[in-house]
Amino acid sequence: MKTLAADDINVPPIDETILQEAFRRVFRRMGRIDTSIMSDKRVVALVNAYADTFTKAIRPTLESGVIPPVMAEHLRNDVFVFSGFKTYQELKEAAALLIDEQGQTKDFDRFYRDITAIKEDYNKHWLKAEYIFAQTSAEMAAKWKEFEEDGDRYNLQYRTAHDNRVRPEHRVLHGITLPPSDPFWDEFFPPNGWRCRCTVVQVRKGKYPESDSATAIQQGREATYQAGKNGVNKAAIFRYNPGKQQVIFPPHHPYYEVSESLRKKITDILTGKSEKEKKWLDNITKTEEALGIRKGSEMNFEQADGNKPNPNYIKNRAYQINCQSCVVAYELRRRGFDVEAFGNTGQGCTPYKLSYDTNLIWIDPNTGEKPKKTKVSGNSGITAKGNVRTNKKLLEKNFQEATKEVGRYHITVVWNLYSGHIFTAERLPDGTLAVYDPQTGDSHCWERYLKALSARYGIAIQRVDNMLVNTELIGEVVHKV
């Protein structure tokens, strides 16, 4: 992807009306800046304006198809959060100029004139530098994802733009050659500064001599050192890897210099995401890592079934007793993971363990623990001999009631004292219930299963589309296709 020279990039200015309205909120609040201001619609408009600008910078890379959907979501989210903290610091800095030398509040026109330098910094000089950085950071994040797929098959080589505009501190990094797994790339993967034009390329092992890792890291630290106030290293913020950390902007940028509690409050206001939603995104990322696969778009039933969860069913006995793996494979396929089930090879393997406790593979996001199944019965009373009277019509009624919410469920039944089965059911938006057995690919099995199951043991139900994956086990239950 070709990047324009920095001088050729035209960054659209922030609408003056949006700026004025945001600063008017500072004026009307008498300079009081706290987290509540971030919910004000006029301030949100400024956050959105910044986010739209930076999103324009990263959009070509996101639309290239190199970056997977989950990572793209992380990058977009990072841009929005960065825009929010940029806004917060800008308003806070402006608020300090609201009071004049006599301790009196300035009128709005004077206040707005007096913050001209602040507006110039945040909305012209810094905005352009940040736009260029976002563009480069997204491109390098995409490169990293491509490099990751090859592992250490190739080495990576650091390259500058190799012209007279290269800053001396970056020139010494030119030619550093190390495998992707080397810790050097954790900190010194470009961009390594504002308007940095450095890049990294893959090279065949043996074509160039490998650099000494410790020496390269020391050179990287020297290249990212710039003394600031009180001896603080201003360039240390660039020691990160945008692709590996899945962020666009430096995680330790000065905009984020607030207390941890304040940072959390502002972030939560900006994203509107609950802790549960954050856990969900993190769980997807960890599932990708555990399976060595990227999550794609969610699959509908037709895309996910057709024996795809368990293609080896007719080939091997292990794939005829692995229903506990098949339901997991199907659920992950619906979520966008192209996987299939492992066979149940007997005692010691994880599918065998799941046959005794199928919920081991799920985590309730509310508790962080293994979820508890709902069990329904068809008990209709006690016989004259004191035995429990069961009624399958009542059992099915209770089953339908327990699965009335739209979602996907795992259904566990017992055939007899020694055997059972687990399959899936999905309550559709139109109210119908679609039952499907991903082990065999049978989507017309419910009446037969209802007739065969032992009503004495009832039916165990677990809704799964809202459960987190146990990433410690998932790699032993399913594998990428």
Protein backbone atom coordinates (compact mmCIF):
# COMPACT_ATOMS: atom_id res chain seq x y z
CA MET A 1 0.00 0.00 0.00
CA LYS A 2 1.49 3.32 -1.05
CA THR A 3 1.59 6.10 1.53
CA LEU A 4 1.67 9.72 0.46
CA ALA A 5 4.54 11.89 1.61
CA ALA A 6 3.66 13.73 4.81
CA ASP A 7 3.66 17.12 3.08
CA ASP A 8 1.16 15.85 0.49
CA ILE A 9 -1.39 14.63 3.03
CA ASN A 10 -4.38 16.89 3.41
CA VAL A 11 -6.01 16.48 6.81
CA PRO A 12 -9.51 17.96 6.85
CA PRO A 13 -9.86 20.58 9.60
CA ILE A 14 -12.25 20.09 12.50
CA ASP A 15 -15.45 22.07 12.00
CA GLU A 16 -15.08 25.37 13.87
CA THR A 17 -18.69 25.18 15.07
CA ILE A 18 -18.04 21.81 16.72
CA LEU A 19 -14.95 23.23 18.44
CA GLN A 20 -16.75 26.33 19.60
CA GLU A 21 -19.66 24.39 21.06
CA ALA A 22 -17.33 22.05 22.98
CA PHE A 23 -15.39 24.97 24.48
CA ARG A 24 -18.65 26.73 25.30
CA ARG A 25 -19.43 23.76 27.57
CA VAL A 26 -16.16 24.45 29.42
CA PHE A 27 -17.18 28.09 29.76
CA ARG A 28 -20.67 27.29 31.05
CA ARG A 29 -19.31 24.78 33.54
CA MET A 30 -17.01 27.52 34.90
CA GLY A 31 -13.98 25.47 33.92
CA ARG A 32 -15.02 22.41 35.92
CA ILE A 33 -13.66 19.40 34.04
CA ASP A 34 -14.65 15.95 35.24
CA THR A 35 -15.78 12.71 33.64
CA SER A 36 -19.37 13.91 33.24
CA ILE A 37 -18.34 16.36 30.53
CA MET A 38 -17.45 13.41 28.30
CA SER A 39 -21.14 12.51 28.09
CA ASP A 40 -22.19 15.98 26.93
CA LYS A 41 -23.45 15.78 23.35
CA ARG A 42 -21.37 18.81 22.28
CA VAL A 43 -18.20 17.23 23.62
CA VAL A 44 -19.14 13.87 22.11
CA ALA A 45 -19.46 15.66 18.76
CA LEU A 46 -15.82 16.77 19.05
CA VAL A 47 -14.71 13.26 20.02
CA ASN A 48 -16.54 11.91 16.98
CA ALA A 49 -14.95 14.53 14.73
CA TYR A 50 -11.47 13.46 15.81
CA ALA A 51 -12.37 9.77 15.53
CA ASP A 52 -13.78 10.28 12.04
CA THR A 53 -10.55 11.98 10.98
CA PHE A 54 -8.34 9.17 12.30
CA THR A 55 -10.69 6.49 10.96
CA LYS A 56 -10.27 8.01 7.51
CA ALA A 57 -6.53 7.50 7.94
CA ILE A 58 -6.80 3.80 8.80
CA ARG A 59 -9.79 2.88 6.61
CA PRO A 60 -7.82 1.84 3.48
CA THR A 61 -5.83 -0.66 5.53
CA LEU A 62 -8.89 -2.01 7.34
CA GLU A 63 -10.70 -2.45 4.03
CA SER A 64 -7.74 -4.26 2.44
CA GLY A 65 -8.84 -7.55 4.02
CA VAL A 66 -5.46 -8.24 5.63
CA ILE A 67 -6.58 -7.37 9.15
CA PRO A 68 -9.13 -9.82 10.61
CA PRO A 69 -12.50 -8.45 11.84
CA VAL A 70 -11.78 -8.76 15.56
CA MET A 71 -8.46 -6.98 15.27
CA ALA A 72 -10.05 -4.29 13.11
CA GLU A 73 -12.59 -3.72 15.88
CA HIS A 74 -9.75 -3.32 18.39
CA LEU A 75 -8.04 -0.77 16.15
CA ARG A 76 -11.22 1.24 15.59
CA ASN A 77 -11.90 1.19 19.31
CA ASP A 78 -8.37 2.42 20.04
CA VAL A 79 -8.84 5.32 17.63
CA PHE A 80 -12.07 6.32 19.36
CA VAL A 81 -10.63 6.10 22.88
CA PHE A 82 -7.56 8.10 21.80
CA SER A 83 -9.88 10.74 20.32
CA GLY A 84 -11.73 10.92 23.62
CA PHE A 85 -8.62 11.45 25.71
CA LYS A 86 -7.33 14.00 23.20
CA THR A 87 -10.59 15.90 23.69
CA TYR A 88 -10.44 15.59 27.49
CA GLN A 89 -6.89 16.96 27.68
CA GLU A 90 -7.67 19.76 25.23
CA LEU A 91 -10.67 20.93 27.25
CA LYS A 92 -8.75 20.60 30.51
CA GLU A 93 -5.89 22.69 29.13
CA ALA A 94 -8.32 25.31 27.89
CA ALA A 95 -10.14 25.43 31.23
CA ALA A 96 -6.94 26.67 32.88
CA LEU A 97 -7.21 29.88 30.79
CA LEU A 98 -10.79 30.72 31.79
CA ILE A 99 -9.78 32.94 34.73
CA ASP A 100 -7.94 36.25 34.15
CA GLU A 101 -5.08 37.80 36.15
CA GLN A 102 -7.52 39.38 38.63
CA GLY A 103 -9.22 36.06 39.33
CA GLN A 104 -12.29 36.96 37.30
CA THR A 105 -13.98 34.73 34.76
CA LYS A 106 -13.38 35.93 31.22
CA ASP A 107 -16.29 36.44 28.85
CA PHE A 108 -16.58 33.72 26.22
CA ASP A 109 -15.22 35.74 23.30
CA ARG A 110 -12.02 36.60 25.18
CA PHE A 111 -11.70 33.04 26.47
CA TYR A 112 -12.07 31.65 22.96
CA ARG A 113 -9.44 34.06 21.62
CA ASP A 114 -7.03 33.21 24.42
CA ILE A 115 -7.11 29.50 23.65
CA THR A 116 -6.10 30.01 20.01
CA ALA A 117 -2.68 28.47 20.59
CA ILE A 118 -4.27 25.41 22.19
CA LYS A 119 -6.62 25.02 19.24
CA GLU A 120 -3.72 25.39 16.81
CA ASP A 121 -1.78 22.63 18.56
CA TYR A 122 -4.61 20.14 18.97
CA ASN A 123 -6.42 20.79 15.70
CA LYS A 124 -3.67 21.59 13.25
CA HIS A 125 -0.07 20.69 14.14
CA TRP A 126 -0.71 17.67 16.35
CA LEU A 127 -3.76 16.54 14.40
CA LYS A 128 -1.77 16.19 11.19
CA ALA A 129 1.06 14.35 12.94
CA GLU A 130 -1.45 12.01 14.57
CA TYR A 131 -3.26 11.42 11.27
CA ILE A 132 -0.02 10.44 9.53
CA PHE A 133 0.94 8.26 12.49
CA ALA A 134 -2.44 6.49 12.45
CA GLN A 135 -2.11 5.78 8.75
CA THR A 136 1.40 4.34 9.14
CA SER A 137 0.54 2.44 12.32
CA ALA A 138 -2.40 0.70 10.64
CA GLU A 139 -0.25 -0.30 7.67
CA MET A 140 2.44 -1.71 9.97
CA ALA A 141 -0.17 -3.56 12.03
CA ALA A 142 -1.35 -5.23 8.82
CA LYS A 143 2.23 -6.14 7.96
CA TRP A 144 2.71 -7.72 11.36
CA LYS A 145 -0.38 -9.90 10.91
CA GLU A 146 1.02 -11.15 7.60
CA PHE A 147 4.41 -11.83 9.18
CA GLU A 148 2.77 -13.72 12.05
CA GLU A 149 1.28 -16.25 9.65
CA ASP A 150 4.76 -17.37 8.57
CA GLY A 151 6.13 -17.61 12.09
CA ASP A 152 9.94 -17.70 12.12
CA ARG A 153 10.18 -19.14 8.61
CA TYR A 154 11.63 -15.81 7.48
CA ASN A 155 13.61 -13.14 9.27
CA LEU A 156 12.44 -9.55 9.52
CA GLN A 157 14.66 -6.66 8.54
CA TYR A 158 14.31 -3.06 9.69
CA ARG A 159 14.61 -0.52 6.90
CA THR A 160 14.53 3.25 6.87
CA ALA A 161 13.43 5.36 3.90
CA HIS A 162 17.18 5.54 3.16
CA ASP A 163 17.31 9.20 2.13
CA ASN A 164 18.73 12.41 3.59
CA ARG A 165 15.55 13.04 5.57
CA VAL A 166 15.99 9.97 7.81
CA ARG A 167 16.64 11.05 11.39
CA PRO A 168 20.10 9.94 12.64
CA GLU A 169 18.71 7.95 15.57
CA HIS A 170 16.64 5.79 13.19
CA ARG A 171 19.45 5.42 10.64
CA VAL A 172 21.39 3.16 13.04
CA LEU A 173 18.45 0.69 13.03
CA HIS A 174 18.60 0.21 9.26
CA GLY A 175 19.46 -3.38 8.42
CA ILE A 176 18.75 -4.93 11.81
CA THR A 177 17.73 -8.50 10.95
CA LEU A 178 16.02 -10.77 13.48
CA PRO A 179 13.31 -13.46 13.56
CA PRO A 180 9.74 -12.29 14.33
CA SER A 181 9.87 -14.01 17.73
CA ASP A 182 12.77 -11.83 18.87
CA PRO A 183 11.80 -9.37 21.66
CA PHE A 184 13.29 -6.52 19.61
CA TRP A 185 10.09 -6.38 17.57
CA ASP A 186 7.94 -6.05 20.70
CA GLU A 187 9.26 -2.52 21.22
CA PHE A 188 10.83 -1.25 18.02
CA PHE A 189 8.44 -2.25 15.25
CA PRO A 190 7.69 0.98 13.31
CA PRO A 191 6.46 3.64 13.46
CA ASN A 192 9.06 4.70 16.03
CA GLY A 193 8.18 8.37 16.14
CA TRP A 194 5.96 11.06 14.68
CA ARG A 195 6.22 11.09 10.88
CA CYS A 196 8.44 8.01 11.01
CA ARG A 197 8.78 6.46 7.54
CA CYS A 198 10.63 3.31 8.59
CA THR A 199 9.31 -0.11 7.64
CA VAL A 200 10.06 -3.82 8.08
CA VAL A 201 10.35 -6.46 5.37
CA GLN A 202 10.63 -10.24 5.30
CA VAL A 203 13.97 -11.65 4.16
CA ARG A 204 15.09 -15.22 3.56
CA LYS A 205 17.03 -16.75 6.39
CA GLY A 206 20.70 -16.81 5.53
CA LYS A 207 20.52 -14.01 2.97
CA TYR A 208 21.54 -11.47 5.62
CA PRO A 209 23.46 -12.14 8.84
CA GLU A 210 21.26 -12.10 11.94
CA SER A 211 21.85 -9.19 14.27
CA ASP A 212 22.75 -9.63 17.91
CA SER A 213 19.45 -9.24 19.78
CA ALA A 214 20.87 -7.49 22.86
CA THR A 215 22.82 -5.01 20.73
CA ALA A 216 19.77 -4.33 18.54
CA ILE A 217 17.58 -3.71 21.58
CA GLN A 218 20.12 -1.25 22.99
CA GLN A 219 20.22 0.54 19.63
CA GLY A 220 16.42 0.63 19.66
CA ARG A 221 16.39 2.20 23.10
CA GLU A 222 18.88 4.84 22.03
CA ALA A 223 16.81 5.53 18.91
CA THR A 224 13.71 6.07 21.01
CA TYR A 225 15.20 8.44 23.54
CA GLN A 226 14.38 12.13 23.65
CA ALA A 227 14.89 14.04 26.88
CA GLY A 228 11.83 15.95 28.02
CA LYS A 229 10.82 17.82 31.15
CA ASN A 230 12.32 16.50 34.38
CA GLY A 231 14.43 14.05 32.39
CA VAL A 232 11.41 12.08 31.17
CA ASN A 233 12.02 10.21 27.92
CA LYS A 234 9.43 11.65 25.52
CA ALA A 235 10.13 9.06 22.81
CA ALA A 236 9.62 6.00 25.05
CA ILE A 237 5.93 6.04 24.14
CA PHE A 238 6.82 4.62 20.72
CA ARG A 239 8.18 1.38 22.19
CA TYR A 240 5.32 -0.90 21.21
CA ASN A 241 4.12 -3.06 18.34
CA PRO A 242 0.78 -1.92 16.83
CA GLY A 243 0.05 -5.30 15.24
CA LYS A 244 0.97 -7.40 18.23
CA GLN A 245 -0.82 -5.15 20.73
CA GLN A 246 -3.66 -4.37 18.32
CA VAL A 247 -3.62 -0.61 18.91
CA ILE A 248 -3.03 2.34 16.61
CA PHE A 249 -1.70 4.96 18.99
CA PRO A 250 0.98 4.61 21.69
CA PRO A 251 -0.59 3.06 24.82
CA HIS A 252 1.42 5.47 27.01
CA HIS A 253 0.72 8.65 25.06
CA PRO A 254 0.60 11.81 27.26
CA TYR A 255 -3.12 12.14 26.54
CA TYR A 256 -3.58 9.13 28.84
CA GLU A 257 -1.71 10.74 31.74
CA VAL A 258 -4.52 10.60 34.26
CA SER A 259 -5.08 8.38 37.28
CA GLU A 260 -5.94 4.74 36.61
CA SER A 261 -9.43 5.16 38.06
CA LEU A 262 -10.08 8.25 35.93
CA ARG A 263 -8.74 6.52 32.83
CA LYS A 264 -11.12 3.62 33.40
CA LYS A 265 -14.12 5.92 33.94
CA ILE A 266 -13.41 7.95 30.82
CA THR A 267 -12.78 4.83 28.73
CA ASP A 268 -16.04 3.26 29.89
CA ILE A 269 -17.95 6.44 29.04
CA LEU A 270 -16.32 6.66 25.62
CA THR A 271 -16.79 3.09 24.53
CA GLY A 272 -20.12 2.50 26.19
CA LYS A 273 -18.86 -1.04 26.63
CA SER A 274 -19.53 -2.96 29.78
CA GLU A 275 -16.93 -5.15 31.40
CA LYS A 276 -18.85 -8.10 29.95
CA GLU A 277 -18.42 -6.80 26.40
CA LYS A 278 -14.71 -6.24 26.96
CA LYS A 279 -14.36 -9.78 28.27
CA TRP A 280 -16.10 -11.04 25.13
CA LEU A 281 -13.64 -9.29 22.79
CA ASP A 282 -10.67 -10.47 24.84
CA ASN A 283 -12.04 -14.02 24.80
CA ILE A 284 -12.29 -13.96 21.00
CA THR A 285 -8.67 -12.87 20.76
CA LYS A 286 -7.51 -15.61 23.13
CA THR A 287 -9.58 -18.19 21.23
CA GLU A 288 -7.87 -17.11 18.00
CA GLU A 289 -4.49 -17.55 19.68
CA ALA A 290 -5.39 -20.96 21.12
CA LEU A 291 -6.59 -22.26 17.74
CA GLY A 292 -4.08 -20.48 15.52
CA ILE A 293 -6.93 -19.13 13.44
CA ARG A 294 -8.58 -15.81 12.68
CA LYS A 295 -12.23 -15.33 13.42
CA GLY A 296 -14.14 -14.53 10.25
CA SER A 297 -17.69 -13.34 9.76
CA GLU A 298 -20.36 -15.17 11.71
CA MET A 299 -21.79 -18.13 9.80
CA ASN A 300 -25.45 -18.89 9.23
CA PHE A 301 -26.78 -22.43 9.60
CA GLU A 302 -26.11 -23.38 5.98
CA GLN A 303 -22.50 -22.22 6.17
CA ALA A 304 -21.84 -23.94 9.49
CA ASP A 305 -23.48 -27.35 8.94
CA GLY A 306 -23.28 -30.00 6.20
CA ASN A 307 -21.17 -32.30 8.40
CA LYS A 308 -18.51 -29.58 8.53
CA PRO A 309 -18.28 -29.72 12.34
CA ASN A 310 -17.53 -33.48 12.14
CA PRO A 311 -16.46 -34.51 8.61
CA ASN A 312 -14.84 -37.76 9.78
CA TYR A 313 -18.04 -39.24 11.21
CA ILE A 314 -18.17 -42.27 8.90
CA LYS A 315 -14.41 -42.89 8.92
CA ASN A 316 -13.56 -43.63 12.52
CA ARG A 317 -15.24 -44.76 15.74
CA ALA A 318 -13.69 -41.83 17.62
CA TYR A 319 -15.82 -39.48 15.52
CA GLN A 320 -19.02 -41.41 16.26
CA ILE A 321 -18.75 -40.92 20.02
CA ASN A 322 -17.56 -37.29 20.02
CA CYS A 323 -20.89 -35.46 20.24
CA GLN A 324 -19.45 -33.36 23.09
CA SER A 325 -16.81 -31.97 20.68
CA CYS A 326 -19.18 -31.59 17.73
CA VAL A 327 -21.56 -29.22 19.50
CA VAL A 328 -18.59 -27.01 20.42
CA ALA A 329 -17.29 -27.08 16.84
CA TYR A 330 -20.71 -26.08 15.53
CA GLU A 331 -21.04 -23.21 18.02
CA LEU A 332 -17.61 -21.87 17.13
CA ARG A 333 -18.42 -22.15 13.43
CA ARG A 334 -21.52 -20.05 14.00
CA ARG A 335 -19.28 -17.48 15.68
CA GLY A 336 -16.99 -17.35 12.64
CA PHE A 337 -14.24 -19.86 13.48
CA ASP A 338 -13.58 -22.35 10.66
CA VAL A 339 -13.03 -25.43 12.84
CA GLU A 340 -13.97 -29.08 13.12
CA ALA A 341 -14.20 -31.47 16.05
CA PHE A 342 -11.52 -33.73 17.46
CA GLY A 343 -12.47 -37.36 17.96
CA ASN A 344 -13.09 -38.93 21.35
CA THR A 345 -10.16 -41.34 21.64
CA GLY A 346 -11.02 -42.47 25.14
CA GLN A 347 -9.91 -41.89 28.68
CA GLY A 348 -7.39 -39.08 29.04
CA CYS A 349 -8.44 -36.94 26.09
CA THR A 350 -10.41 -33.74 26.62
CA PRO A 351 -13.47 -34.84 24.58
CA TYR A 352 -13.71 -37.84 26.92
CA LYS A 353 -13.65 -35.49 29.94
CA LEU A 354 -16.37 -33.38 28.32
CA SER A 355 -18.56 -36.46 27.97
CA TYR A 356 -18.88 -36.38 31.75
CA ASP A 357 -19.15 -32.60 32.08
CA THR A 358 -19.93 -30.84 28.80
CA ASN A 359 -19.93 -27.40 30.42
CA LEU A 360 -16.20 -27.52 31.13
CA ILE A 361 -15.67 -25.80 27.79
CA TRP A 362 -17.79 -22.74 28.68
CA ILE A 363 -17.32 -19.84 31.08
CA ASP A 364 -20.19 -17.70 32.36
CA PRO A 365 -19.12 -14.06 31.72
CA ASN A 366 -21.08 -12.92 34.78
CA THR A 367 -19.36 -15.21 37.27
CA GLY A 368 -16.14 -16.22 35.54
CA GLU A 369 -17.03 -19.80 36.42
CA LYS A 370 -18.37 -22.85 34.63
CA PRO A 371 -22.09 -22.24 33.93
CA LYS A 372 -24.87 -24.31 35.46
CA LYS A 373 -27.31 -26.11 33.21
CA THR A 374 -31.05 -25.76 33.44
CA LYS A 375 -32.77 -29.09 33.91
CA VAL A 376 -36.40 -29.71 33.00
CA SER A 377 -38.50 -32.75 33.74
CA GLY A 378 -41.82 -34.24 32.81
CA ASN A 379 -42.73 -35.29 36.32
CA SER A 380 -46.50 -35.24 36.71
CA GLY A 381 -46.95 -36.80 40.10
CA ILE A 382 -46.43 -39.97 42.11
CA THR A 383 -47.88 -43.37 41.28
CA ALA A 384 -49.72 -45.55 43.80
CA LYS A 385 -46.47 -47.47 44.29
CA GLY A 386 -44.59 -44.26 45.11
CA ASN A 387 -42.72 -43.94 41.81
CA VAL A 388 -42.38 -40.69 39.88
CA ARG A 389 -44.86 -40.48 37.03
CA THR A 390 -43.32 -38.98 33.86
CA ASN A 391 -45.12 -37.42 30.93
CA LYS A 392 -43.24 -36.68 27.71
CA LYS A 393 -45.76 -34.12 26.54
CA LEU A 394 -45.18 -32.22 29.77
CA LEU A 395 -41.43 -32.70 29.35
CA GLU A 396 -41.52 -31.22 25.87
CA LYS A 397 -43.68 -28.32 27.06
CA ASN A 398 -41.19 -27.53 29.82
CA PHE A 399 -38.34 -27.89 27.34
CA GLN A 400 -39.95 -25.42 24.94
CA GLU A 401 -40.52 -22.98 27.79
CA ALA A 402 -36.88 -23.24 28.95
CA THR A 403 -35.62 -22.47 25.44
CA LYS A 404 -38.03 -19.65 24.57
CA GLU A 405 -35.36 -16.94 24.45
CA VAL A 406 -33.81 -16.37 21.02
CA GLY A 407 -30.39 -18.01 21.09
CA ARG A 408 -28.42 -21.23 20.64
CA TYR A 409 -28.57 -24.08 23.16
CA HIS A 410 -26.81 -27.34 23.91
CA ILE A 411 -29.26 -30.09 24.78
CA THR A 412 -28.18 -33.10 26.84
CA VAL A 413 -30.37 -36.20 27.06
CA VAL A 414 -29.98 -39.69 28.51
CA TRP A 415 -30.96 -42.75 26.48
CA ASN A 416 -30.53 -45.18 29.35
CA LEU A 417 -28.39 -45.70 32.43
CA TYR A 418 -25.23 -46.10 30.34
CA SER A 419 -25.47 -43.71 27.43
CA GLY A 420 -26.63 -40.26 26.41
CA HIS A 421 -26.19 -37.60 23.78
CA ILE A 422 -25.71 -33.86 23.32
CA PHE A 423 -26.94 -31.87 20.32
CA THR A 424 -27.98 -28.31 19.55
CA ALA A 425 -31.16 -26.28 19.36
CA GLU A 426 -31.70 -22.72 18.19
CA ARG A 427 -34.67 -20.52 19.01
CA LEU A 428 -35.19 -18.35 15.96
CA PRO A 429 -36.59 -14.80 15.97
CA ASP A 430 -39.89 -16.06 14.51
CA GLY A 431 -40.35 -18.29 17.55
CA THR A 432 -39.62 -21.65 15.94
CA LEU A 433 -37.08 -24.04 17.41
CA ALA A 434 -34.54 -25.62 15.06
CA VAL A 435 -32.92 -28.78 16.44
CA TYR A 436 -29.70 -29.96 14.83
CA ASP A 437 -27.21 -32.74 15.56
CA PRO A 438 -23.76 -31.54 14.42
CA GLN A 439 -22.24 -34.97 14.98
CA THR A 440 -24.28 -36.56 12.18
CA GLY A 441 -25.52 -33.48 10.32
CA ASP A 442 -29.15 -34.44 11.01
CA SER A 443 -31.53 -31.47 11.21
CA HIS A 444 -34.70 -33.59 11.48
CA CYS A 445 -33.91 -35.52 14.63
CA TRP A 446 -36.03 -33.96 17.37
CA GLU A 447 -39.11 -36.17 17.22
CA ARG A 448 -36.95 -39.28 17.09
CA TYR A 449 -34.77 -38.14 19.98
CA LEU A 450 -37.76 -37.12 22.09
CA LYS A 451 -39.24 -40.56 21.63
CA ALA A 452 -35.97 -42.33 22.48
CA LEU A 453 -34.79 -40.31 25.47
CA SER A 454 -35.40 -41.41 29.04
CA ALA A 455 -37.98 -39.08 30.56
CA ARG A 456 -36.87 -40.23 33.97
CA TYR A 457 -33.66 -38.17 33.66
CA GLY A 458 -35.27 -35.13 32.05
CA ILE A 459 -33.42 -32.79 29.68
CA ALA A 460 -30.42 -30.62 30.57
CA ILE A 461 -30.17 -27.29 28.75
CA GLN A 462 -27.34 -24.79 28.39
CA ARG A 463 -27.60 -21.62 26.35
CA VAL A 464 -24.17 -21.22 24.74
CA ASP A 465 -24.20 -18.30 22.31
CA ASN A 466 -23.70 -15.92 25.26
CA MET A 467 -20.96 -17.97 26.95
CA LEU A 468 -17.21 -17.37 26.85
CA VAL A 469 -14.91 -20.11 25.58
CA ASN A 470 -12.57 -21.88 28.00
CA THR A 471 -9.42 -21.07 26.06
CA GLU A 472 -7.32 -23.45 28.16
CA LEU A 473 -9.25 -26.41 26.74
CA ILE A 474 -10.56 -25.31 23.35
CA GLY A 475 -7.43 -26.33 21.43
CA GLU A 476 -7.97 -29.93 22.58
CA VAL A 477 -11.64 -30.04 21.57
CA VAL A 478 -11.63 -28.50 18.08
CA HIS A 479 -8.99 -27.61 15.50
CA LYS A 480 -8.81 -25.36 12.47
CA VAL A 481 -9.83 -26.84 9.14
